[in-house]
């Protein structure tokens, strides 16, 4: 199994998946397999879960990582972020 395909219920991994589901990762920080796993995870979410993920990303980009992690806890397990 490739890294990034394992799933985690940890809010930190869920937040990273939400943040990286549609990124090109121009800095090449993440393995391609992880980014693909994030895209597949997000695509499989229900529309209401996608809204939850978007709200969490918004909170994170406004500087409130704690709120973002509290928001994503309701989402299904997400790909394990290789950088955490």
PDB file of N, CA and C in Angstrom:
ATOM      1  N   UNK A   1       0.849  -1.183   0.000  1.00  0.00           N
ATOM      2  CA  UNK A   1       0.000   0.000   0.000  1.00  0.00           C
ATOM      3  C   UNK A   1       0.893   1.243   0.000  1.00  0.00           C
ATOM      4  N   UNK A   2       0.614   2.197  -0.864  1.00  0.00           N
ATOM      5  CA  UNK A   2       1.408   3.415  -0.953  1.00  0.00           C
ATOM      6  C   UNK A   2       1.047   4.369   0.165  1.00  0.00           C
ATOM      7  N   UNK A   3       2.041   5.134   0.624  1.00  0.00           N
ATOM      8  CA  UNK A   3       1.764   6.144   1.629  1.00  0.00           C
ATOM      9  C   UNK A   3       0.740   7.118   1.062  1.00  0.00           C
ATOM     10  N   UNK A   4      -0.186   7.545   1.884  1.00  0.00           N
ATOM     11  CA  UNK A   4      -1.238   8.426   1.402  1.00  0.00           C
ATOM     12  C   UNK A   4      -2.521   7.667   1.164  1.00  0.00           C
ATOM     13  N   UNK A   5      -2.425   6.361   1.026  1.00  0.00           N
ATOM     14  CA  UNK A   5      -3.629   5.559   0.832  1.00  0.00           C
ATOM     15  C   UNK A   5      -4.160   5.030   2.150  1.00  0.00           C
ATOM     16  N   UNK A   6      -3.300   4.998   3.186  1.00  0.00           N
ATOM     17  CA  UNK A   6      -3.774   4.623   4.509  1.00  0.00           C
ATOM     18  C   UNK A   6      -4.690   5.729   5.006  1.00  0.00           C
ATOM     19  N   UNK A   7      -5.700   5.357   5.806  1.00  0.00           N
ATOM     20  CA  UNK A   7      -6.661   6.351   6.285  1.00  0.00           C
ATOM     21  C   UNK A   7      -6.466   6.604   7.772  1.00  0.00           C
ATOM     22  N   UNK A   8      -6.780   7.827   8.177  1.00  0.00           N
ATOM     23  CA  UNK A   8      -6.673   8.212   9.575  1.00  0.00           C
ATOM     24  C   UNK A   8      -7.917   8.982   9.992  1.00  0.00           C
ATOM     25  N   UNK A   9      -8.328   8.778  11.229  1.00  0.00           N
ATOM     26  CA  UNK A   9      -9.451   9.520  11.779  1.00  0.00           C
ATOM     27  C   UNK A   9      -8.967  10.764  12.534  1.00  0.00           C
ATOM     28  N   UNK A  10      -7.659  10.996  12.521  1.00  0.00           N
ATOM     29  CA  UNK A  10      -7.064  12.146  13.198  1.00  0.00           C
ATOM     30  C   UNK A  10      -7.469  13.436  12.466  1.00  0.00           C
ATOM     31  N   UNK A  11      -8.005  14.424  13.211  1.00  0.00           N
ATOM     32  CA  UNK A  11      -8.410  15.685  12.564  1.00  0.00           C
ATOM     33  C   UNK A  11      -7.277  16.378  11.804  1.00  0.00           C
ATOM     34  N   UNK A  12      -6.040  16.204  12.246  1.00  0.00           N
ATOM     35  CA  UNK A  12      -4.912  16.828  11.536  1.00  0.00           C
ATOM     36  C   UNK A  12      -4.799  16.267  10.119  1.00  0.00           C
ATOM     37  N   UNK A  13      -5.007  14.964   9.956  1.00  0.00           N
ATOM     38  CA  UNK A  13      -4.939  14.347   8.629  1.00  0.00           C
ATOM     39  C   UNK A  13      -6.155  14.742   7.786  1.00  0.00           C
ATOM     40  N   UNK A  14      -7.312  14.825   8.426  1.00  0.00           N
ATOM     41  CA  UNK A  14      -8.515  15.249   7.699  1.00  0.00           C
ATOM     42  C   UNK A  14      -8.356  16.676   7.182  1.00  0.00           C
ATOM     43  N   UNK A  15      -7.797  17.547   8.026  1.00  0.00           N
ATOM     44  CA  UNK A  15      -7.587  18.935   7.614  1.00  0.00           C
ATOM     45  C   UNK A  15      -6.598  19.009   6.451  1.00  0.00           C
ATOM     46  N   UNK A  16      -5.509  18.256   6.531  1.00  0.00           N
ATOM     47  CA  UNK A  16      -4.538  18.258   5.435  1.00  0.00           C
ATOM     48  C   UNK A  16      -5.157  17.752   4.139  1.00  0.00           C
ATOM     49  N   UNK A  17      -5.998  16.732   4.231  1.00  0.00           N
ATOM     50  CA  UNK A  17      -6.660  16.218   3.028  1.00  0.00           C
ATOM     51  C   UNK A  17      -7.583  17.279   2.438  1.00  0.00           C
ATOM     52  N   UNK A  18      -8.298  17.990   3.297  1.00  0.00           N
ATOM     53  CA  UNK A  18      -9.183  19.055   2.824  1.00  0.00           C
ATOM     54  C   UNK A  18      -8.375  20.170   2.166  1.00  0.00           C
ATOM     55  N   UNK A  19      -7.237  20.487   2.747  1.00  0.00           N
ATOM     56  CA  UNK A  19      -6.387  21.553   2.203  1.00  0.00           C
ATOM     57  C   UNK A  19      -5.719  21.158   0.892  1.00  0.00           C
ATOM     58  N   UNK A  20      -5.476  19.863   0.707  1.00  0.00           N
ATOM     59  CA  UNK A  20      -4.688  19.406  -0.444  1.00  0.00           C
ATOM     60  C   UNK A  20      -5.481  18.674  -1.508  1.00  0.00           C
ATOM     61  N   UNK A  21      -6.808  18.683  -1.429  1.00  0.00           N
ATOM     62  CA  UNK A  21      -7.583  17.904  -2.396  1.00  0.00           C
ATOM     63  C   UNK A  21      -7.575  18.495  -3.799  1.00  0.00           C
ATOM     64  N   UNK A  22      -7.277  19.771  -3.925  1.00  0.00           N
ATOM     65  CA  UNK A  22      -7.309  20.384  -5.261  1.00  0.00           C
ATOM     66  C   UNK A  22      -6.075  21.230  -5.545  1.00  0.00           C
ATOM     67  N   UNK A  23      -4.985  20.908  -4.895  1.00  0.00           N
ATOM     68  CA  UNK A  23      -3.773  21.695  -5.080  1.00  0.00           C
ATOM     69  C   UNK A  23      -2.846  21.052  -6.104  1.00  0.00           C
ATOM     70  N   UNK A  24      -2.091  21.878  -6.755  1.00  0.00           N
ATOM     71  CA  UNK A  24      -1.087  21.388  -7.705  1.00  0.00           C
ATOM     72  C   UNK A  24       0.224  21.095  -6.977  1.00  0.00           C
ATOM     73  N   UNK A  25       0.342  21.526  -5.698  1.00  0.00           N
ATOM     74  CA  UNK A  25       1.550  21.324  -4.897  1.00  0.00           C
ATOM     75  C   UNK A  25       2.787  21.784  -5.662  1.00  0.00           C
ATOM     76  N   UNK A  26       2.807  23.060  -5.989  1.00  0.00           N
ATOM     77  CA  UNK A  26       3.900  23.609  -6.793  1.00  0.00           C
ATOM     78  C   UNK A  26       5.261  23.470  -6.110  1.00  0.00           C
ATOM     79  N   UNK A  27       5.270  23.354  -4.783  1.00  0.00           N
ATOM     80  CA  UNK A  27       6.532  23.194  -4.061  1.00  0.00           C
ATOM     81  C   UNK A  27       7.003  21.742  -4.012  1.00  0.00           C
ATOM     82  N   UNK A  28       6.161  20.830  -4.527  1.00  0.00           N
ATOM     83  CA  UNK A  28       6.490  19.405  -4.560  1.00  0.00           C
ATOM     84  C   UNK A  28       6.748  18.858  -3.157  1.00  0.00           C
ATOM     85  N   UNK A  29       5.954  19.325  -2.186  1.00  0.00           N
ATOM     86  CA  UNK A  29       6.108  18.872  -0.809  1.00  0.00           C
ATOM     87  C   UNK A  29       5.535  17.474  -0.603  1.00  0.00           C
ATOM     88  N   UNK A  30       4.509  17.136  -1.358  1.00  0.00           N
ATOM     89  CA  UNK A  30       3.779  15.890  -1.138  1.00  0.00           C
ATOM     90  C   UNK A  30       3.988  14.908  -2.278  1.00  0.00           C
ATOM     91  N   UNK A  31       4.029  13.604  -1.955  1.00  0.00           N
ATOM     92  CA  UNK A  31       4.069  12.606  -3.031  1.00  0.00           C
ATOM     93  C   UNK A  31       2.786  12.694  -3.866  1.00  0.00           C
ATOM     94  N   UNK A  32       2.918  12.463  -5.143  1.00  0.00           N
ATOM     95  CA  UNK A  32       1.755  12.516  -6.044  1.00  0.00           C
ATOM     96  C   UNK A  32       0.654  11.568  -5.566  1.00  0.00           C
ATOM     97  N   UNK A  33       1.032  10.401  -5.065  1.00  0.00           N
ATOM     98  CA  UNK A  33       0.025   9.431  -4.622  1.00  0.00           C
ATOM     99  C   UNK A  33      -0.822  10.004  -3.482  1.00  0.00           C
ATOM    100  N   UNK A  34      -0.221  10.825  -2.623  1.00  0.00           N
ATOM    101  CA  UNK A  34      -0.979  11.445  -1.530  1.00  0.00           C
ATOM    102  C   UNK A  34      -1.989  12.445  -2.079  1.00  0.00           C
ATOM    103  N   UNK A  35      -1.569  13.267  -3.027  1.00  0.00           N
ATOM    104  CA  UNK A  35      -2.482  14.261  -3.597  1.00  0.00           C
ATOM    105  C   UNK A  35      -3.653  13.581  -4.312  1.00  0.00           C
ATOM    106  N   UNK A  36      -3.364  12.514  -5.031  1.00  0.00           N
ATOM    107  CA  UNK A  36      -4.427  11.750  -5.700  1.00  0.00           C
ATOM    108  C   UNK A  36      -5.376  11.164  -4.658  1.00  0.00           C
ATOM    109  N   UNK A  37      -4.826  10.627  -3.567  1.00  0.00           N
ATOM    110  CA  UNK A  37      -5.666  10.068  -2.507  1.00  0.00           C
ATOM    111  C   UNK A  37      -6.561  11.149  -1.898  1.00  0.00           C
ATOM    112  N   UNK A  38      -6.030  12.355  -1.735  1.00  0.00           N
ATOM    113  CA  UNK A  38      -6.835  13.469  -1.210  1.00  0.00           C
ATOM    114  C   UNK A  38      -7.960  13.827  -2.175  1.00  0.00           C
ATOM    115  N   UNK A  39      -7.651  13.852  -3.473  1.00  0.00           N
ATOM    116  CA  UNK A  39      -8.679  14.154  -4.471  1.00  0.00           C
ATOM    117  C   UNK A  39      -9.777  13.096  -4.437  1.00  0.00           C
ATOM    118  N   UNK A  40      -9.387  11.829  -4.362  1.00  0.00           N
ATOM    119  CA  UNK A  40     -10.369  10.743  -4.325  1.00  0.00           C
ATOM    120  C   UNK A  40     -11.202  10.803  -3.051  1.00  0.00           C
ATOM    121  N   UNK A  41     -10.571  11.123  -1.928  1.00  0.00           N
ATOM    122  CA  UNK A  41     -11.276  11.256  -0.654  1.00  0.00           C
ATOM    123  C   UNK A  41     -12.335  12.347  -0.745  1.00  0.00           C
ATOM    124  N   UNK A  42     -11.929  13.520  -1.265  1.00  0.00           N
ATOM    125  CA  UNK A  42     -12.852  14.645  -1.356  1.00  0.00           C
ATOM    126  C   UNK A  42     -14.005  14.336  -2.311  1.00  0.00           C
ATOM    127  N   UNK A  43     -13.696  13.711  -3.436  1.00  0.00           N
ATOM    128  CA  UNK A  43     -14.712  13.368  -4.428  1.00  0.00           C
ATOM    129  C   UNK A  43     -15.753  12.413  -3.843  1.00  0.00           C
ATOM    130  N   UNK A  44     -15.316  11.530  -2.953  1.00  0.00           N
ATOM    131  CA  UNK A  44     -16.224  10.550  -2.357  1.00  0.00           C
ATOM    132  C   UNK A  44     -17.091  11.137  -1.236  1.00  0.00           C
ATOM    133  N   UNK A  45     -16.761  12.351  -0.779  1.00  0.00           N
ATOM    134  CA  UNK A  45     -17.555  12.969   0.284  1.00  0.00           C
ATOM    135  C   UNK A  45     -18.951  13.331  -0.217  1.00  0.00           C
ATOM    136  N   UNK A  46     -19.918  13.305   0.672  1.00  0.00           N
ATOM    137  CA  UNK A  46     -21.259  13.795   0.337  1.00  0.00           C
ATOM    138  C   UNK A  46     -21.172  15.310   0.133  1.00  0.00           C
ATOM    139  N   UNK A  47     -22.169  15.892  -0.470  1.00  0.00           N
ATOM    140  CA  UNK A  47     -22.144  17.341  -0.691  1.00  0.00           C
ATOM    141  C   UNK A  47     -22.084  18.096   0.637  1.00  0.00           C
ATOM    142  N   UNK A  48     -22.775  17.591   1.653  1.00  0.00           N
ATOM    143  CA  UNK A  48     -22.725  18.284   2.944  1.00  0.00           C
ATOM    144  C   UNK A  48     -21.338  18.153   3.575  1.00  0.00           C
ATOM    145  N   UNK A  49     -20.682  16.997   3.412  1.00  0.00           N
ATOM    146  CA  UNK A  49     -19.319  16.846   3.931  1.00  0.00           C
ATOM    147  C   UNK A  49     -18.333  17.715   3.155  1.00  0.00           C
ATOM    148  N   UNK A  50     -18.565  17.910   1.874  1.00  0.00           N
ATOM    149  CA  UNK A  50     -17.698  18.819   1.100  1.00  0.00           C
ATOM    150  C   UNK A  50     -17.830  20.245   1.626  1.00  0.00           C
ATOM    151  N   UNK A  51     -19.056  20.625   1.994  1.00  0.00           N
ATOM    152  CA  UNK A  51     -19.252  21.965   2.570  1.00  0.00           C
ATOM    153  C   UNK A  51     -18.518  22.076   3.906  1.00  0.00           C
ATOM    154  N   UNK A  52     -18.592  21.025   4.713  1.00  0.00           N
ATOM    155  CA  UNK A  52     -17.868  21.012   5.990  1.00  0.00           C
ATOM    156  C   UNK A  52     -16.372  21.193   5.742  1.00  0.00           C
ATOM    157  N   UNK A  53     -15.833  20.453   4.787  1.00  0.00           N
ATOM    158  CA  UNK A  53     -14.407  20.560   4.462  1.00  0.00           C
ATOM    159  C   UNK A  53     -14.063  21.971   4.005  1.00  0.00           C
ATOM    160  N   UNK A  54     -14.923  22.586   3.199  1.00  0.00           N
ATOM    161  CA  UNK A  54     -14.669  23.945   2.715  1.00  0.00           C
ATOM    162  C   UNK A  54     -14.690  24.965   3.850  1.00  0.00           C
ATOM    163  N   UNK A  55     -15.611  24.791   4.800  1.00  0.00           N
ATOM    164  CA  UNK A  55     -15.666  25.685   5.962  1.00  0.00           C
ATOM    165  C   UNK A  55     -14.383  25.539   6.786  1.00  0.00           C
ATOM    166  N   UNK A  56     -13.912  24.315   6.940  1.00  0.00           N
ATOM    167  CA  UNK A  56     -12.678  24.080   7.689  1.00  0.00           C
ATOM    168  C   UNK A  56     -11.486  24.726   7.003  1.00  0.00           C
ATOM    169  N   UNK A  57     -11.407  24.603   5.691  1.00  0.00           N
ATOM    170  CA  UNK A  57     -10.320  25.236   4.935  1.00  0.00           C
ATOM    171  C   UNK A  57     -10.387  26.752   5.106  1.00  0.00           C
ATOM    172  N   UNK A  58     -11.579  27.295   5.061  1.00  0.00           N
ATOM    173  CA  UNK A  58     -11.750  28.735   5.248  1.00  0.00           C
ATOM    174  C   UNK A  58     -11.269  29.167   6.632  1.00  0.00           C
ATOM    175  N   UNK A  59     -11.636  28.419   7.650  1.00  0.00           N
ATOM    176  CA  UNK A  59     -11.186  28.737   9.017  1.00  0.00           C
ATOM    177  C   UNK A  59      -9.667  28.675   9.104  1.00  0.00           C
ATOM    178  N   UNK A  60      -9.077  27.651   8.487  1.00  0.00           N
ATOM    179  CA  UNK A  60      -7.624  27.489   8.514  1.00  0.00           C
ATOM    180  C   UNK A  60      -6.933  28.660   7.817  1.00  0.00           C
ATOM    181  N   UNK A  61      -7.442  29.044   6.644  1.00  0.00           N
ATOM    182  CA  UNK A  61      -6.798  30.125   5.897  1.00  0.00           C
ATOM    183  C   UNK A  61      -6.955  31.475   6.598  1.00  0.00           C
ATOM    184  N   UNK A  62      -7.923  31.561   7.505  1.00  0.00           N
ATOM    185  CA  UNK A  62      -8.088  32.783   8.308  1.00  0.00           C
ATOM    186  C   UNK A  62      -7.265  32.716   9.594  1.00  0.00           C
ATOM    187  N   UNK A  63      -6.474  31.650   9.743  1.00  0.00           N
ATOM    188  CA  UNK A  63      -5.553  31.550  10.863  1.00  0.00           C
ATOM    189  C   UNK A  63      -6.062  30.791  12.072  1.00  0.00           C
ATOM    190  N   UNK A  64      -7.205  30.136  11.966  1.00  0.00           N
ATOM    191  CA  UNK A  64      -7.748  29.418  13.113  1.00  0.00           C
ATOM    192  C   UNK A  64      -7.670  27.905  12.908  1.00  0.00           C
ATOM    193  N   UNK A  65      -6.475  27.368  13.106  1.00  0.00           N
ATOM    194  CA  UNK A  65      -6.259  25.937  12.898  1.00  0.00           C
ATOM    195  C   UNK A  65      -7.060  25.102  13.897  1.00  0.00           C
ATOM    196  N   UNK A  66      -7.199  25.594  15.129  1.00  0.00           N
ATOM    197  CA  UNK A  66      -7.958  24.864  16.146  1.00  0.00           C
ATOM    198  C   UNK A  66      -9.413  24.706  15.717  1.00  0.00           C
ATOM    199  N   UNK A  67     -10.023  25.784  15.256  1.00  0.00           N
ATOM    200  CA  UNK A  67     -11.412  25.705  14.789  1.00  0.00           C
ATOM    201  C   UNK A  67     -11.514  24.763  13.597  1.00  0.00           C
ATOM    202  N   UNK A  68     -10.552  24.844  12.685  1.00  0.00           N
ATOM    203  CA  UNK A  68     -10.572  23.987  11.498  1.00  0.00           C
ATOM    204  C   UNK A  68     -10.542  22.515  11.892  1.00  0.00           C
ATOM    205  N   UNK A  69      -9.695  22.162  12.857  1.00  0.00           N
ATOM    206  CA  UNK A  69      -9.612  20.768  13.301  1.00  0.00           C
ATOM    207  C   UNK A  69     -10.895  20.342  14.012  1.00  0.00           C
ATOM    208  N   UNK A  70     -11.517  21.270  14.735  1.00  0.00           N
ATOM    209  CA  UNK A  70     -12.785  20.953  15.388  1.00  0.00           C
ATOM    210  C   UNK A  70     -13.894  20.723  14.367  1.00  0.00           C
ATOM    211  N   UNK A  71     -13.828  21.424  13.256  1.00  0.00           N
ATOM    212  CA  UNK A  71     -14.836  21.298  12.201  1.00  0.00           C
ATOM    213  C   UNK A  71     -14.700  19.962  11.472  1.00  0.00           C
ATOM    214  N   UNK A  72     -13.473  19.576  11.122  1.00  0.00           N
ATOM    215  CA  UNK A  72     -13.267  18.377  10.296  1.00  0.00           C
ATOM    216  C   UNK A  72     -13.463  17.060  11.045  1.00  0.00           C
ATOM    217  N   UNK A  73     -13.574  17.109  12.364  1.00  0.00           N
ATOM    218  CA  UNK A  73     -13.684  15.847  13.107  1.00  0.00           C
ATOM    219  C   UNK A  73     -14.887  15.016  12.676  1.00  0.00           C
ATOM    220  N   UNK A  74     -15.915  15.643  12.099  1.00  0.00           N
ATOM    221  CA  UNK A  74     -17.119  14.911  11.670  1.00  0.00           C
ATOM    222  C   UNK A  74     -16.930  14.198  10.326  1.00  0.00           C
ATOM    223  N   UNK A  75     -15.855  14.500   9.624  1.00  0.00           N
ATOM    224  CA  UNK A  75     -15.627  13.906   8.303  1.00  0.00           C
ATOM    225  C   UNK A  75     -15.108  12.474   8.430  1.00  0.00           C
ATOM    226  N   UNK A  76     -15.295  11.675   7.370  1.00  0.00           N
ATOM    227  CA  UNK A  76     -14.786  10.299   7.396  1.00  0.00           C
ATOM    228  C   UNK A  76     -13.248  10.283   7.399  1.00  0.00           C
ATOM    229  N   UNK A  77     -12.658   9.159   7.776  1.00  0.00           N
ATOM    230  CA  UNK A  77     -11.195   9.053   7.775  1.00  0.00           C
ATOM    231  C   UNK A  77     -10.603   9.510   6.438  1.00  0.00           C
ATOM    232  N   UNK A  78      -9.465  10.177   6.546  1.00  0.00           N
ATOM    233  CA  UNK A  78      -8.807  10.773   5.379  1.00  0.00           C
ATOM    234  C   UNK A  78      -7.429  10.163   5.175  1.00  0.00           C
ATOM    235  N   UNK A  79      -6.854  10.371   3.986  1.00  0.00           N
ATOM    236  CA  UNK A  79      -5.498   9.858   3.739  1.00  0.00           C
ATOM    237  C   UNK A  79      -4.507  10.387   4.780  1.00  0.00           C
ATOM    238  N   UNK A  80      -3.602   9.520   5.191  1.00  0.00           N
ATOM    239  CA  UNK A  80      -2.561   9.905   6.133  1.00  0.00           C
ATOM    240  C   UNK A  80      -1.584  10.846   5.438  1.00  0.00           C
ATOM    241  N   UNK A  81      -1.387  12.020   6.028  1.00  0.00           N
ATOM    242  CA  UNK A  81      -0.448  12.990   5.459  1.00  0.00           C
ATOM    243  C   UNK A  81       0.979  12.558   5.769  1.00  0.00           C
ATOM    244  N   UNK A  82       1.816  12.395   4.755  1.00  0.00           N
ATOM    245  CA  UNK A  82       3.181  11.911   4.991  1.00  0.00           C
ATOM    246  C   UNK A  82       4.058  12.932   5.718  1.00  0.00           C
ATOM    247  N   UNK A  83       3.626  14.183   5.817  1.00  0.00           N
ATOM    248  CA  UNK A  83       4.447  15.208   6.468  1.00  0.00           C
ATOM    249  C   UNK A  83       4.099  15.425   7.929  1.00  0.00           C
ATOM    250  N   UNK A  84       3.092  14.706   8.426  1.00  0.00           N
ATOM    251  CA  UNK A  84       2.704  14.865   9.838  1.00  0.00           C
ATOM    252  C   UNK A  84       3.333  13.786  10.688  1.00  0.00           C
TER     253      UNK A  84
END
